[in-house]
Each structure stands twice: as C-alpha cells, then as structure tokens.
Amino acid sequence: WLFEQLEGPVYVDGWEDRDDCTVVEIPADCIGYITGARRAALGAMEEEWGVLMFFMNKREDGGKGRGGSEKLIIFGDKRARRGAELKV
C-alpha cells in the first residue's frame, strides 16, 4: 500500500473484515493538521505507537470538497491502534 500511494489514492478492499486495522473518519478541514508538514505529525504518531497509518479513498471519490471527510486507516496490534486513534 505504501508504494501504491505514490501512484494515487489507495483503498484497502475488505478492511471491514480485518481484525488488524481500525478506521477513523477525519473531517476534511482537519486532514492537514493530522498529516502535518511532509507527513511529520502522522509519522510521529506511527513511530510513537508502532502502527502504520494512511488516508484511504477510492479513486472515484476524488476530492470531497468542503464539509467532506476521509478515512484514516490504522494498522497494528489492538492496543497500539487504540492509542493512535485516541491521539488523532
């Protein structure tokens, strides 16, 4: 998934059935704050909690515009995911 992000939006099919991930809806106006400059804030949370986090959306979703949201998916063990989720 990391390399797929270089080519465009990434979506994890079947994430609802996985037990190693958590998905959080993030309001569009908060995405920049959570990501940080050059992904610094997101990377710091990943390192702190030992998780992998990225925004996912389907290609056809495109830009959500004002008032929309995006899904932030968090991979890791349950305790680490919960810590990262609360920090977000």
PDB file of N, CA and C in Angstrom:
ATOM      1  N   TRP A   1       0.820  -1.201   0.000  1.00  0.00           N
ATOM      2  CA  TRP A   1       0.000   0.000   0.000  1.00  0.00           C
ATOM      3  C   TRP A   1       0.859   1.258   0.000  1.00  0.00           C
ATOM      4  N   LEU A   2       2.015   1.165   0.616  1.00  0.00           N
ATOM      5  CA  LEU A   2       2.878   2.349   0.663  1.00  0.00           C
ATOM      6  C   LEU A   2       3.288   2.790  -0.731  1.00  0.00           C
ATOM      7  N   PHE A   3       3.696   1.845  -1.555  1.00  0.00           N
ATOM      8  CA  PHE A   3       4.130   2.197  -2.897  1.00  0.00           C
ATOM      9  C   PHE A   3       2.955   2.587  -3.789  1.00  0.00           C
ATOM     10  N   GLU A   4       1.783   2.031  -3.528  1.00  0.00           N
ATOM     11  CA  GLU A   4       0.596   2.400  -4.301  1.00  0.00           C
ATOM     12  C   GLU A   4       0.249   3.872  -4.090  1.00  0.00           C
ATOM     13  N   GLN A   5       0.552   4.420  -2.906  1.00  0.00           N
ATOM     14  CA  GLN A   5       0.257   5.822  -2.626  1.00  0.00           C
ATOM     15  C   GLN A   5       1.030   6.760  -3.534  1.00  0.00           C
ATOM     16  N   LEU A   6       2.164   6.318  -4.038  1.00  0.00           N
ATOM     17  CA  LEU A   6       2.949   7.154  -4.943  1.00  0.00           C
ATOM     18  C   LEU A   6       2.242   7.353  -6.278  1.00  0.00           C
ATOM     19  N   GLU A   7       1.371   6.426  -6.636  1.00  0.00           N
ATOM     20  CA  GLU A   7       0.677   6.483  -7.916  1.00  0.00           C
ATOM     21  C   GLU A   7      -0.716   7.085  -7.820  1.00  0.00           C
ATOM     22  N   GLY A   8      -1.250   7.204  -6.610  1.00  0.00           N
ATOM     23  CA  GLY A   8      -2.584   7.766  -6.464  1.00  0.00           C
ATOM     24  C   GLY A   8      -3.265   7.266  -5.209  1.00  0.00           C
ATOM     25  N   PRO A   9      -4.570   7.513  -5.114  1.00  0.00           N
ATOM     26  CA  PRO A   9      -5.316   7.117  -3.923  1.00  0.00           C
ATOM     27  C   PRO A   9      -5.268   5.607  -3.677  1.00  0.00           C
ATOM     28  N   VAL A  10      -5.264   5.232  -2.418  1.00  0.00           N
ATOM     29  CA  VAL A  10      -5.212   3.828  -2.021  1.00  0.00           C
ATOM     30  C   VAL A  10      -6.496   3.493  -1.272  1.00  0.00           C
ATOM     31  N   TYR A  11      -7.039   2.313  -1.521  1.00  0.00           N
ATOM     32  CA  TYR A  11      -8.197   1.832  -0.788  1.00  0.00           C
ATOM     33  C   TYR A  11      -7.956   0.381  -0.439  1.00  0.00           C
ATOM     34  N   VAL A  12      -8.178   0.010   0.807  1.00  0.00           N
ATOM     35  CA  VAL A  12      -7.998  -1.369   1.263  1.00  0.00           C
ATOM     36  C   VAL A  12      -9.335  -2.076   1.174  1.00  0.00           C
ATOM     37  N   ASP A  13      -9.484  -2.909   0.152  1.00  0.00           N
ATOM     38  CA  ASP A  13     -10.727  -3.666  -0.004  1.00  0.00           C
ATOM     39  C   ASP A  13     -10.884  -4.654   1.146  1.00  0.00           C
ATOM     40  N   GLY A  14     -12.078  -4.734   1.678  1.00  0.00           N
ATOM     41  CA  GLY A  14     -12.369  -5.690   2.733  1.00  0.00           C
ATOM     42  C   GLY A  14     -11.838  -5.302   4.100  1.00  0.00           C
ATOM     43  N   TRP A  15     -11.542  -4.021   4.306  1.00  0.00           N
ATOM     44  CA  TRP A  15     -10.996  -3.605   5.603  1.00  0.00           C
ATOM     45  C   TRP A  15     -11.977  -3.893   6.743  1.00  0.00           C
ATOM     46  N   GLU A  16     -13.272  -3.916   6.429  1.00  0.00           N
ATOM     47  CA  GLU A  16     -14.275  -4.160   7.464  1.00  0.00           C
ATOM     48  C   GLU A  16     -14.132  -5.552   8.083  1.00  0.00           C
ATOM     49  N   ASP A  17     -13.602  -6.502   7.322  1.00  0.00           N
ATOM     50  CA  ASP A  17     -13.478  -7.886   7.778  1.00  0.00           C
ATOM     51  C   ASP A  17     -12.135  -8.192   8.422  1.00  0.00           C
ATOM     52  N   ARG A  18     -11.228  -7.235   8.438  1.00  0.00           N
ATOM     53  CA  ARG A  18      -9.899  -7.458   9.012  1.00  0.00           C
ATOM     54  C   ARG A  18      -9.910  -7.156  10.507  1.00  0.00           C
ATOM     55  N   ASP A  19      -9.095  -7.888  11.257  1.00  0.00           N
ATOM     56  CA  ASP A  19      -9.015  -7.625  12.693  1.00  0.00           C
ATOM     57  C   ASP A  19      -7.707  -6.937  13.083  1.00  0.00           C
ATOM     58  N   ASP A  20      -6.930  -6.503  12.093  1.00  0.00           N
ATOM     59  CA  ASP A  20      -5.662  -5.823  12.372  1.00  0.00           C
ATOM     60  C   ASP A  20      -5.694  -4.346  12.001  1.00  0.00           C
ATOM     61  N   CYS A  21      -6.897  -3.791  11.799  1.00  0.00           N
ATOM     62  CA  CYS A  21      -6.972  -2.381  11.429  1.00  0.00           C
ATOM     63  C   CYS A  21      -8.180  -1.700  12.057  1.00  0.00           C
ATOM     64  N   THR A  22      -8.055  -0.400  12.179  1.00  0.00           N
ATOM     65  CA  THR A  22      -9.123   0.458  12.687  1.00  0.00           C
ATOM     66  C   THR A  22      -9.261   1.602  11.699  1.00  0.00           C
ATOM     67  N   VAL A  23     -10.483   2.025  11.424  1.00  0.00           N
ATOM     68  CA  VAL A  23     -10.716   3.134  10.506  1.00  0.00           C
ATOM     69  C   VAL A  23     -11.408   4.268  11.257  1.00  0.00           C
ATOM     70  N   VAL A  24     -10.883   5.485  11.068  1.00  0.00           N
ATOM     71  CA  VAL A  24     -11.428   6.667  11.722  1.00  0.00           C
ATOM     72  C   VAL A  24     -11.809   7.675  10.632  1.00  0.00           C
ATOM     73  N   GLU A  25     -13.011   8.217  10.707  1.00  0.00           N
ATOM     74  CA  GLU A  25     -13.437   9.266   9.771  1.00  0.00           C
ATOM     75  C   GLU A  25     -12.852  10.593  10.249  1.00  0.00           C
ATOM     76  N   ILE A  26     -12.119  11.259   9.364  1.00  0.00           N
ATOM     77  CA  ILE A  26     -11.479  12.531   9.693  1.00  0.00           C
ATOM     78  C   ILE A  26     -12.131  13.637   8.869  1.00  0.00           C
ATOM     79  N   PRO A  27     -12.644  14.680   9.521  1.00  0.00           N
ATOM     80  CA  PRO A  27     -13.227  15.803   8.763  1.00  0.00           C
ATOM     81  C   PRO A  27     -12.177  16.431   7.839  1.00  0.00           C
ATOM     82  N   ALA A  28     -12.617  16.855   6.666  1.00  0.00           N
ATOM     83  CA  ALA A  28     -11.704  17.386   5.652  1.00  0.00           C
ATOM     84  C   ALA A  28     -10.864  18.548   6.172  1.00  0.00           C
ATOM     85  N   ASP A  29     -11.444  19.391   7.021  1.00  0.00           N
ATOM     86  CA  ASP A  29     -10.689  20.546   7.491  1.00  0.00           C
ATOM     87  C   ASP A  29      -9.657  20.202   8.565  1.00  0.00           C
ATOM     88  N   CYS A  30      -9.585  18.940   8.998  1.00  0.00           N
ATOM     89  CA  CYS A  30      -8.592  18.507   9.991  1.00  0.00           C
ATOM     90  C   CYS A  30      -7.466  17.673   9.378  1.00  0.00           C
ATOM     91  N   ILE A  31      -7.604  17.287   8.129  1.00  0.00           N
ATOM     92  CA  ILE A  31      -6.646  16.373   7.499  1.00  0.00           C
ATOM     93  C   ILE A  31      -5.240  16.951   7.476  1.00  0.00           C
ATOM     94  N   GLY A  32      -5.106  18.210   7.112  1.00  0.00           N
ATOM     95  CA  GLY A  32      -3.783  18.836   7.064  1.00  0.00           C
ATOM     96  C   GLY A  32      -3.121  18.883   8.425  1.00  0.00           C
ATOM     97  N   TYR A  33      -3.890  19.145   9.458  1.00  0.00           N
ATOM     98  CA  TYR A  33      -3.350  19.205  10.816  1.00  0.00           C
ATOM     99  C   TYR A  33      -2.863  17.823  11.261  1.00  0.00           C
ATOM    100  N   ILE A  34      -3.643  16.796  10.986  1.00  0.00           N
ATOM    101  CA  ILE A  34      -3.273  15.439  11.394  1.00  0.00           C
ATOM    102  C   ILE A  34      -2.075  14.930  10.609  1.00  0.00           C
ATOM    103  N   THR A  35      -2.030  15.256   9.317  1.00  0.00           N
ATOM    104  CA  THR A  35      -0.922  14.804   8.482  1.00  0.00           C
ATOM    105  C   THR A  35       0.362  15.542   8.838  1.00  0.00           C
ATOM    106  N   GLY A  36       0.279  16.858   8.969  1.00  0.00           N
ATOM    107  CA  GLY A  36       1.457  17.659   9.273  1.00  0.00           C
ATOM    108  C   GLY A  36       2.280  17.928   8.031  1.00  0.00           C
ATOM    109  N   ALA A  37       3.250  18.808   8.185  1.00  0.00           N
ATOM    110  CA  ALA A  37       4.136  19.152   7.072  1.00  0.00           C
ATOM    111  C   ALA A  37       4.957  17.933   6.677  1.00  0.00           C
ATOM    112  N   ARG A  38       4.886  17.583   5.411  1.00  0.00           N
ATOM    113  CA  ARG A  38       5.611  16.424   4.870  1.00  0.00           C
ATOM    114  C   ARG A  38       5.349  15.162   5.688  1.00  0.00           C
ATOM    115  N   ARG A  39       4.102  15.047   6.147  1.00  0.00           N
ATOM    116  CA  ARG A  39       3.640  13.856   6.870  1.00  0.00           C
ATOM    117  C   ARG A  39       4.294  13.695   8.240  1.00  0.00           C
ATOM    118  N   ALA A  40       4.851  14.771   8.779  1.00  0.00           N
ATOM    119  CA  ALA A  40       5.602  14.702  10.039  1.00  0.00           C
ATOM    120  C   ALA A  40       4.734  14.277  11.217  1.00  0.00           C
ATOM    121  N   ALA A  41       3.554  14.855  11.362  1.00  0.00           N
ATOM    122  CA  ALA A  41       2.695  14.521  12.504  1.00  0.00           C
ATOM    123  C   ALA A  41       2.223  13.070  12.437  1.00  0.00           C
ATOM    124  N   LEU A  42       1.811  12.637  11.257  1.00  0.00           N
ATOM    125  CA  LEU A  42       1.356  11.252  11.090  1.00  0.00           C
ATOM    126  C   LEU A  42       2.510  10.285  11.348  1.00  0.00           C
ATOM    127  N   GLY A  43       3.679  10.612  10.826  1.00  0.00           N
ATOM    128  CA  GLY A  43       4.860   9.767  11.038  1.00  0.00           C
ATOM    129  C   GLY A  43       5.260   9.676  12.498  1.00  0.00           C
ATOM    130  N   ALA A  44       5.137  10.790  13.222  1.00  0.00           N
ATOM    131  CA  ALA A  44       5.479  10.785  14.649  1.00  0.00           C
ATOM    132  C   ALA A  44       4.530   9.879  15.432  1.00  0.00           C
ATOM    133  N   MET A  45       3.234   9.928  15.090  1.00  0.00           N
ATOM    134  CA  MET A  45       2.271   9.056  15.770  1.00  0.00           C
ATOM    135  C   MET A  45       2.532   7.594  15.428  1.00  0.00           C
ATOM    136  N   GLU A  46       2.896   7.324  14.169  1.00  0.00           N
ATOM    137  CA  GLU A  46       3.210   5.948  13.773  1.00  0.00           C
ATOM    138  C   GLU A  46       4.388   5.421  14.594  1.00  0.00           C
ATOM    139  N   GLU A  47       5.399   6.257  14.735  1.00  0.00           N
ATOM    140  CA  GLU A  47       6.581   5.829  15.481  1.00  0.00           C
ATOM    141  C   GLU A  47       6.278   5.671  16.972  1.00  0.00           C
ATOM    142  N   GLU A  48       5.518   6.593  17.523  1.00  0.00           N
ATOM    143  CA  GLU A  48       5.175   6.530  18.942  1.00  0.00           C
ATOM    144  C   GLU A  48       4.399   5.266  19.291  1.00  0.00           C
ATOM    145  N   TRP A  49       3.451   4.886  18.443  1.00  0.00           N
ATOM    146  CA  TRP A  49       2.563   3.771  18.748  1.00  0.00           C
ATOM    147  C   TRP A  49       2.906   2.481  18.011  1.00  0.00           C
ATOM    148  N   GLY A  50       3.866   2.519  17.086  1.00  0.00           N
ATOM    149  CA  GLY A  50       4.242   1.309  16.356  1.00  0.00           C
ATOM    150  C   GLY A  50       3.159   0.827  15.409  1.00  0.00           C
ATOM    151  N   VAL A  51       2.524   1.773  14.721  1.00  0.00           N
ATOM    152  CA  VAL A  51       1.446   1.451  13.789  1.00  0.00           C
ATOM    153  C   VAL A  51       1.779   1.995  12.403  1.00  0.00           C
ATOM    154  N   LEU A  52       0.987   1.594  11.434  1.00  0.00           N
ATOM    155  CA  LEU A  52       1.042   2.131  10.079  1.00  0.00           C
ATOM    156  C   LEU A  52      -0.280   2.840   9.838  1.00  0.00           C
ATOM    157  N   MET A  53      -0.225   4.098   9.405  1.00  0.00           N
ATOM    158  CA  MET A  53      -1.434   4.891   9.204  1.00  0.00           C
ATOM    159  C   MET A  53      -1.383   5.569   7.846  1.00  0.00           C
ATOM    160  N   PHE A  54      -2.514   5.573   7.160  1.00  0.00           N
ATOM    161  CA  PHE A  54      -2.618   6.368   5.940  1.00  0.00           C
ATOM    162  C   PHE A  54      -4.081   6.624   5.626  1.00  0.00           C
ATOM    163  N   PHE A  55      -4.299   7.689   4.852  1.00  0.00           N
ATOM    164  CA  PHE A  55      -5.652   8.015   4.417  1.00  0.00           C
ATOM    165  C   PHE A  55      -5.986   7.149   3.227  1.00  0.00           C
ATOM    166  N   MET A  56      -7.202   6.654   3.196  1.00  0.00           N
ATOM    167  CA  MET A  56      -7.608   5.830   2.060  1.00  0.00           C
ATOM    168  C   MET A  56      -8.909   6.370   1.484  1.00  0.00           C
ATOM    169  N   ASN A  57      -8.977   6.349   0.191  1.00  0.00           N
ATOM    170  CA  ASN A  57     -10.209   6.684  -0.511  1.00  0.00           C
ATOM    171  C   ASN A  57     -10.163   6.030  -1.879  1.00  0.00           C
ATOM    172  N   LYS A  58     -11.324   5.775  -2.416  1.00  0.00           N
ATOM    173  CA  LYS A  58     -11.411   5.155  -3.729  1.00  0.00           C
ATOM    174  C   LYS A  58     -11.124   6.199  -4.794  1.00  0.00           C
ATOM    175  N   ARG A  59     -10.563   5.759  -5.905  1.00  0.00           N
ATOM    176  CA  ARG A  59     -10.231   6.679  -6.995  1.00  0.00           C
ATOM    177  C   ARG A  59     -11.434   7.508  -7.439  1.00  0.00           C
ATOM    178  N   GLU A  60     -12.594   6.862  -7.511  1.00  0.00           N
ATOM    179  CA  GLU A  60     -13.777   7.579  -7.993  1.00  0.00           C
ATOM    180  C   GLU A  60     -14.288   8.610  -7.000  1.00  0.00           C
ATOM    181  N   ASP A  61     -13.841   8.521  -5.716  1.00  0.00           N
ATOM    182  CA  ASP A  61     -14.263   9.513  -4.726  1.00  0.00           C
ATOM    183  C   ASP A  61     -13.671  10.880  -5.026  1.00  0.00           C
ATOM    184  N   GLY A  62     -12.430  10.902  -5.514  1.00  0.00           N
ATOM    185  CA  GLY A  62     -11.779  12.162  -5.866  1.00  0.00           C
ATOM    186  C   GLY A  62     -11.769  13.136  -4.721  1.00  0.00           C
ATOM    187  N   GLY A  63     -11.900  14.434  -5.028  1.00  0.00           N
ATOM    188  CA  GLY A  63     -11.932  15.446  -3.987  1.00  0.00           C
ATOM    189  C   GLY A  63     -13.311  15.506  -3.361  1.00  0.00           C
ATOM    190  N   LYS A  64     -13.346  15.564  -2.075  1.00  0.00           N
ATOM    191  CA  LYS A  64     -14.623  15.587  -1.364  1.00  0.00           C
ATOM    192  C   LYS A  64     -15.203  16.997  -1.283  1.00  0.00           C
ATOM    193  N   GLY A  65     -14.351  17.999  -1.430  1.00  0.00           N
ATOM    194  CA  GLY A  65     -14.846  19.368  -1.304  1.00  0.00           C
ATOM    195  C   GLY A  65     -15.038  19.740   0.147  1.00  0.00           C
ATOM    196  N   ARG A  66     -15.658  20.852   0.382  1.00  0.00           N
ATOM    197  CA  ARG A  66     -15.866  21.327   1.742  1.00  0.00           C
ATOM    198  C   ARG A  66     -16.895  20.461   2.459  1.00  0.00           C
ATOM    199  N   GLY A  67     -16.649  20.262   3.726  1.00  0.00           N
ATOM    200  CA  GLY A  67     -17.604  19.524   4.532  1.00  0.00           C
ATOM    201  C   GLY A  67     -17.489  18.018   4.431  1.00  0.00           C
ATOM    202  N   GLY A  68     -16.572  17.515   3.628  1.00  0.00           N
ATOM    203  CA  GLY A  68     -16.420  16.071   3.484  1.00  0.00           C
ATOM    204  C   GLY A  68     -15.518  15.490   4.556  1.00  0.00           C
ATOM    205  N   SER A  69     -15.175  14.239   4.377  1.00  0.00           N
ATOM    206  CA  SER A  69     -14.264  13.576   5.299  1.00  0.00           C
ATOM    207  C   SER A  69     -13.497  12.501   4.540  1.00  0.00           C
ATOM    208  N   GLU A  70     -12.437  12.016   5.162  1.00  0.00           N
ATOM    209  CA  GLU A  70     -11.671  10.910   4.605  1.00  0.00           C
ATOM    210  C   GLU A  70     -11.460   9.876   5.683  1.00  0.00           C
ATOM    211  N   LYS A  71     -11.223   8.648   5.249  1.00  0.00           N
ATOM    212  CA  LYS A  71     -10.987   7.556   6.179  1.00  0.00           C
ATOM    213  C   LYS A  71      -9.485   7.438   6.448  1.00  0.00           C
ATOM    214  N   LEU A  72      -9.131   7.436   7.727  1.00  0.00           N
ATOM    215  CA  LEU A  72      -7.756   7.178   8.147  1.00  0.00           C
ATOM    216  C   LEU A  72      -7.720   5.741   8.644  1.00  0.00           C
ATOM    217  N   ILE A  73      -6.893   4.910   8.017  1.00  0.00           N
ATOM    218  CA  ILE A  73      -6.802   3.507   8.426  1.00  0.00           C
ATOM    219  C   ILE A  73      -5.526   3.328   9.244  1.00  0.00           C
ATOM    220  N   ILE A  74      -5.652   2.597  10.337  1.00  0.00           N
ATOM    221  CA  ILE A  74      -4.549   2.380  11.269  1.00  0.00           C
ATOM    222  C   ILE A  74      -4.332   0.872  11.393  1.00  0.00           C
ATOM    223  N   PHE A  75      -3.110   0.421  11.083  1.00  0.00           N
ATOM    224  CA  PHE A  75      -2.747  -0.996  11.186  1.00  0.00           C
ATOM    225  C   PHE A  75      -1.807  -1.201  12.367  1.00  0.00           C
ATOM    226  N   GLY A  76      -1.998  -2.280  13.085  1.00  0.00           N
ATOM    227  CA  GLY A  76      -1.126  -2.631  14.204  1.00  0.00           C
ATOM    228  C   GLY A  76      -1.897  -3.489  15.188  1.00  0.00           C
ATOM    229  N   ASP A  77      -1.259  -3.762  16.336  1.00  0.00           N
ATOM    230  CA  ASP A  77      -1.997  -4.545  17.330  1.00  0.00           C
ATOM    231  C   ASP A  77      -3.054  -3.662  17.981  1.00  0.00           C
ATOM    232  N   LYS A  78      -3.987  -4.286  18.658  1.00  0.00           N
ATOM    233  CA  LYS A  78      -5.176  -3.582  19.156  1.00  0.00           C
ATOM    234  C   LYS A  78      -4.833  -2.415  20.091  1.00  0.00           C
ATOM    235  N   ARG A  79      -3.926  -2.621  21.018  1.00  0.00           N
ATOM    236  CA  ARG A  79      -3.573  -1.567  21.971  1.00  0.00           C
ATOM    237  C   ARG A  79      -2.914  -0.384  21.264  1.00  0.00           C
ATOM    238  N   ALA A  80      -2.017  -0.667  20.338  1.00  0.00           N
ATOM    239  CA  ALA A  80      -1.332   0.396  19.591  1.00  0.00           C
ATOM    240  C   ALA A  80      -2.323   1.173  18.728  1.00  0.00           C
ATOM    241  N   ARG A  81      -3.230   0.459  18.079  1.00  0.00           N
ATOM    242  CA  ARG A  81      -4.241   1.129  17.253  1.00  0.00           C
ATOM    243  C   ARG A  81      -5.099   2.053  18.100  1.00  0.00           C
ATOM    244  N   ARG A  82      -5.514   1.583  19.268  1.00  0.00           N
ATOM    245  CA  ARG A  82      -6.359   2.392  20.140  1.00  0.00           C
ATOM    246  C   ARG A  82      -5.608   3.649  20.616  1.00  0.00           C
ATOM    247  N   GLY A  83      -4.345   3.512  20.959  1.00  0.00           N
ATOM    248  CA  GLY A  83      -3.557   4.671  21.372  1.00  0.00           C
ATOM    249  C   GLY A  83      -3.442   5.696  20.274  1.00  0.00           C
ATOM    250  N   ALA A  84      -3.161   5.239  19.061  1.00  0.00           N
ATOM    251  CA  ALA A  84      -3.050   6.151  17.922  1.00  0.00           C
ATOM    252  C   ALA A  84      -4.397   6.787  17.606  1.00  0.00           C
ATOM    253  N   GLU A  85      -5.454   6.011  17.706  1.00  0.00           N
ATOM    254  CA  GLU A  85      -6.800   6.528  17.442  1.00  0.00           C
ATOM    255  C   GLU A  85      -7.151   7.656  18.433  1.00  0.00           C
ATOM    256  N   LEU A  86      -6.850   7.443  19.691  1.00  0.00           N
ATOM    257  CA  LEU A  86      -7.132   8.464  20.701  1.00  0.00           C
ATOM    258  C   LEU A  86      -6.282   9.717  20.512  1.00  0.00           C
ATOM    259  N   LYS A  87      -5.050   9.523  20.069  1.00  0.00           N
ATOM    260  CA  LYS A  87      -4.162  10.671  19.842  1.00  0.00           C
ATOM    261  C   LYS A  87      -4.641  11.503  18.661  1.00  0.00           C
ATOM    262  N   VAL A  88      -5.156  10.841  17.634  1.00  0.00           N
ATOM    263  CA  VAL A  88      -5.681  11.558  16.475  1.00  0.00           C
ATOM    264  C   VAL A  88      -6.853  12.423  16.934  1.00  0.00           C
TER     265      VAL A  88
END
